[in-house]
């Protein structure tokens, strides 16, 4: 996997966990999904798209919780 992509994903996950600890489990699931995507040897763009999709799901979860 591209090291910049890996660092970006880790940084995003760390920031979300730091500022929204109540969704730590959801973010960790996203990271596990990212790792499984890496195993599939798909293109970097596809990896990034999928990771953003799952992080978007976490954001929707937060928005619903806040409402």
N, C-alpha and C. Protein backbone atom coordinates (compact mmCIF):
# COMPACT_ATOMS: atom_id res chain seq x y z
N UNK A 1 0.84 -1.18 0.00
CA UNK A 1 0.00 0.00 0.00
C UNK A 1 0.89 1.24 0.00
N UNK A 2 0.44 2.26 -0.63
CA UNK A 2 1.15 3.53 -0.65
C UNK A 2 1.30 4.06 0.77
N UNK A 3 2.52 4.38 1.16
CA UNK A 3 2.79 4.83 2.55
C UNK A 3 2.08 6.13 2.87
N UNK A 4 1.95 7.05 1.90
CA UNK A 4 1.24 8.30 2.16
C UNK A 4 -0.23 8.03 2.45
N UNK A 5 -0.82 7.12 1.70
CA UNK A 5 -2.22 6.75 1.93
C UNK A 5 -2.38 6.14 3.32
N UNK A 6 -1.47 5.26 3.68
CA UNK A 6 -1.50 4.61 5.00
C UNK A 6 -1.41 5.65 6.11
N UNK A 7 -0.49 6.60 5.97
CA UNK A 7 -0.34 7.65 6.98
C UNK A 7 -1.59 8.52 7.07
N UNK A 8 -2.16 8.84 5.92
CA UNK A 8 -3.36 9.67 5.88
C UNK A 8 -4.51 8.97 6.60
N UNK A 9 -4.72 7.70 6.31
CA UNK A 9 -5.79 6.94 6.96
C UNK A 9 -5.57 6.87 8.46
N UNK A 10 -4.36 6.60 8.86
CA UNK A 10 -4.05 6.50 10.29
C UNK A 10 -4.25 7.84 10.99
N UNK A 11 -3.82 8.91 10.34
CA UNK A 11 -3.98 10.24 10.92
C UNK A 11 -5.46 10.58 11.08
N UNK A 12 -6.26 10.33 10.03
CA UNK A 12 -7.69 10.61 10.12
C UNK A 12 -8.34 9.81 11.24
N UNK A 13 -8.00 8.54 11.32
CA UNK A 13 -8.57 7.70 12.37
C UNK A 13 -8.16 8.19 13.75
N UNK A 14 -6.90 8.54 13.92
CA UNK A 14 -6.43 9.05 15.22
C UNK A 14 -7.15 10.33 15.61
N UNK A 15 -7.34 11.24 14.66
CA UNK A 15 -8.03 12.50 14.97
C UNK A 15 -9.50 12.26 15.33
N UNK A 16 -10.14 11.36 14.61
CA UNK A 16 -11.54 11.07 14.92
C UNK A 16 -11.65 10.46 16.31
N UNK A 17 -10.76 9.52 16.62
CA UNK A 17 -10.79 8.88 17.94
C UNK A 17 -10.50 9.92 19.02
N UNK A 18 -9.57 10.82 18.77
CA UNK A 18 -9.21 11.84 19.76
C UNK A 18 -10.37 12.79 20.04
N UNK A 19 -11.03 13.25 19.00
CA UNK A 19 -12.06 14.27 19.16
C UNK A 19 -13.47 13.70 19.27
N UNK A 20 -13.63 12.44 18.98
CA UNK A 20 -14.95 11.80 19.11
C UNK A 20 -14.77 10.39 19.67
N UNK A 21 -14.29 10.29 20.93
CA UNK A 21 -13.98 8.97 21.50
C UNK A 21 -15.18 8.04 21.59
N UNK A 22 -16.38 8.61 21.57
CA UNK A 22 -17.57 7.76 21.66
C UNK A 22 -17.77 6.88 20.42
N UNK A 23 -17.07 7.18 19.34
CA UNK A 23 -17.19 6.33 18.15
C UNK A 23 -15.90 5.59 17.85
N UNK A 24 -15.07 5.40 18.87
CA UNK A 24 -13.79 4.71 18.68
C UNK A 24 -13.97 3.35 18.01
N UNK A 25 -14.97 2.58 18.45
CA UNK A 25 -15.18 1.25 17.86
C UNK A 25 -15.49 1.33 16.38
N UNK A 26 -16.33 2.28 15.99
CA UNK A 26 -16.69 2.42 14.58
C UNK A 26 -15.47 2.77 13.73
N UNK A 27 -14.62 3.65 14.26
CA UNK A 27 -13.42 4.03 13.51
C UNK A 27 -12.46 2.84 13.40
N UNK A 28 -12.34 2.07 14.47
CA UNK A 28 -11.47 0.90 14.42
C UNK A 28 -11.98 -0.11 13.39
N UNK A 29 -13.30 -0.24 13.26
CA UNK A 29 -13.86 -1.11 12.23
C UNK A 29 -13.48 -0.58 10.85
N UNK A 30 -13.55 0.74 10.67
CA UNK A 30 -13.13 1.33 9.39
C UNK A 30 -11.68 0.98 9.08
N UNK A 31 -10.83 1.04 10.09
CA UNK A 31 -9.42 0.73 9.87
C UNK A 31 -9.23 -0.75 9.52
N UNK A 32 -10.01 -1.62 10.14
CA UNK A 32 -9.92 -3.05 9.80
C UNK A 32 -10.38 -3.26 8.36
N UNK A 33 -11.43 -2.56 7.97
CA UNK A 33 -11.92 -2.66 6.59
C UNK A 33 -10.85 -2.16 5.63
N UNK A 34 -10.19 -1.05 5.99
CA UNK A 34 -9.11 -0.51 5.15
C UNK A 34 -8.01 -1.55 4.99
N UNK A 35 -7.67 -2.23 6.09
CA UNK A 35 -6.62 -3.25 6.01
C UNK A 35 -7.03 -4.40 5.10
N UNK A 36 -8.31 -4.79 5.14
CA UNK A 36 -8.76 -5.87 4.27
C UNK A 36 -8.79 -5.42 2.82
N UNK A 37 -9.09 -4.14 2.60
CA UNK A 37 -9.05 -3.60 1.24
C UNK A 37 -7.62 -3.68 0.70
N UNK A 38 -6.65 -3.35 1.56
CA UNK A 38 -5.24 -3.41 1.17
C UNK A 38 -4.87 -4.82 0.71
N UNK A 39 -5.42 -5.81 1.41
CA UNK A 39 -5.12 -7.20 1.06
C UNK A 39 -5.65 -7.58 -0.31
N UNK A 40 -6.67 -6.89 -0.77
CA UNK A 40 -7.28 -7.23 -2.06
C UNK A 40 -6.44 -6.77 -3.25
N UNK A 41 -5.41 -5.96 -3.02
CA UNK A 41 -4.55 -5.47 -4.09
C UNK A 41 -5.32 -4.69 -5.15
N UNK A 42 -6.29 -3.91 -4.70
CA UNK A 42 -7.02 -3.06 -5.63
C UNK A 42 -6.29 -1.73 -5.78
N UNK A 43 -6.71 -0.95 -6.73
CA UNK A 43 -6.02 0.32 -6.99
C UNK A 43 -6.11 1.25 -5.79
N UNK A 44 -5.15 2.15 -5.69
CA UNK A 44 -5.12 3.11 -4.58
C UNK A 44 -6.37 3.98 -4.58
N UNK A 45 -6.83 4.37 -5.76
CA UNK A 45 -8.04 5.21 -5.83
C UNK A 45 -9.24 4.46 -5.27
N UNK A 46 -9.35 3.19 -5.61
CA UNK A 46 -10.47 2.39 -5.11
C UNK A 46 -10.35 2.21 -3.60
N UNK A 47 -9.14 2.00 -3.09
CA UNK A 47 -8.94 1.89 -1.65
C UNK A 47 -9.39 3.16 -0.96
N UNK A 48 -8.96 4.30 -1.51
CA UNK A 48 -9.30 5.58 -0.91
C UNK A 48 -10.80 5.81 -0.95
N UNK A 49 -11.43 5.51 -2.08
CA UNK A 49 -12.88 5.69 -2.22
C UNK A 49 -13.63 4.86 -1.19
N UNK A 50 -13.23 3.62 -1.02
CA UNK A 50 -13.91 2.75 -0.06
C UNK A 50 -13.70 3.23 1.37
N UNK A 51 -12.47 3.63 1.69
CA UNK A 51 -12.19 4.11 3.04
C UNK A 51 -13.02 5.35 3.35
N UNK A 52 -13.10 6.28 2.39
CA UNK A 52 -13.92 7.48 2.58
C UNK A 52 -15.39 7.12 2.73
N UNK A 53 -15.85 6.13 1.99
CA UNK A 53 -17.24 5.67 2.10
C UNK A 53 -17.53 5.20 3.53
N UNK A 54 -16.63 4.41 4.09
CA UNK A 54 -16.85 3.91 5.45
C UNK A 54 -16.71 5.02 6.49
N UNK A 55 -15.77 5.94 6.30
CA UNK A 55 -15.68 7.08 7.21
C UNK A 55 -16.93 7.95 7.10
N UNK A 56 -17.47 8.08 5.90
CA UNK A 56 -18.72 8.82 5.72
C UNK A 56 -19.85 8.18 6.49
N UNK A 57 -19.87 6.86 6.55
CA UNK A 57 -20.87 6.15 7.35
C UNK A 57 -20.74 6.48 8.82
N UNK A 58 -19.51 6.61 9.29
CA UNK A 58 -19.28 6.99 10.69
C UNK A 58 -19.80 8.40 10.92
N UNK A 59 -19.58 9.31 9.98
CA UNK A 59 -20.06 10.68 10.12
C UNK A 59 -21.58 10.70 10.16
N UNK A 60 -22.24 9.93 9.33
CA UNK A 60 -23.70 9.86 9.35
C UNK A 60 -24.18 9.36 10.71
N UNK A 61 -23.49 8.38 11.25
CA UNK A 61 -23.82 7.85 12.56
C UNK A 61 -23.73 8.96 13.61
N UNK A 62 -22.67 9.75 13.56
CA UNK A 62 -22.50 10.86 14.50
C UNK A 62 -23.60 11.90 14.33
N UNK A 63 -23.92 12.22 13.09
CA UNK A 63 -24.97 13.21 12.83
C UNK A 63 -26.30 12.76 13.40
N UNK A 64 -26.63 11.48 13.24
CA UNK A 64 -27.89 10.94 13.78
C UNK A 64 -27.88 10.98 15.30
N UNK A 65 -26.71 10.67 15.90
CA UNK A 65 -26.59 10.70 17.35
C UNK A 65 -26.79 12.12 17.89
N UNK A 66 -26.29 13.10 17.16
CA UNK A 66 -26.37 14.49 17.59
C UNK A 66 -27.78 15.05 17.45
N UNK A 67 -28.56 14.49 16.55
CA UNK A 67 -29.91 15.01 16.28
C UNK A 67 -30.90 14.67 17.38
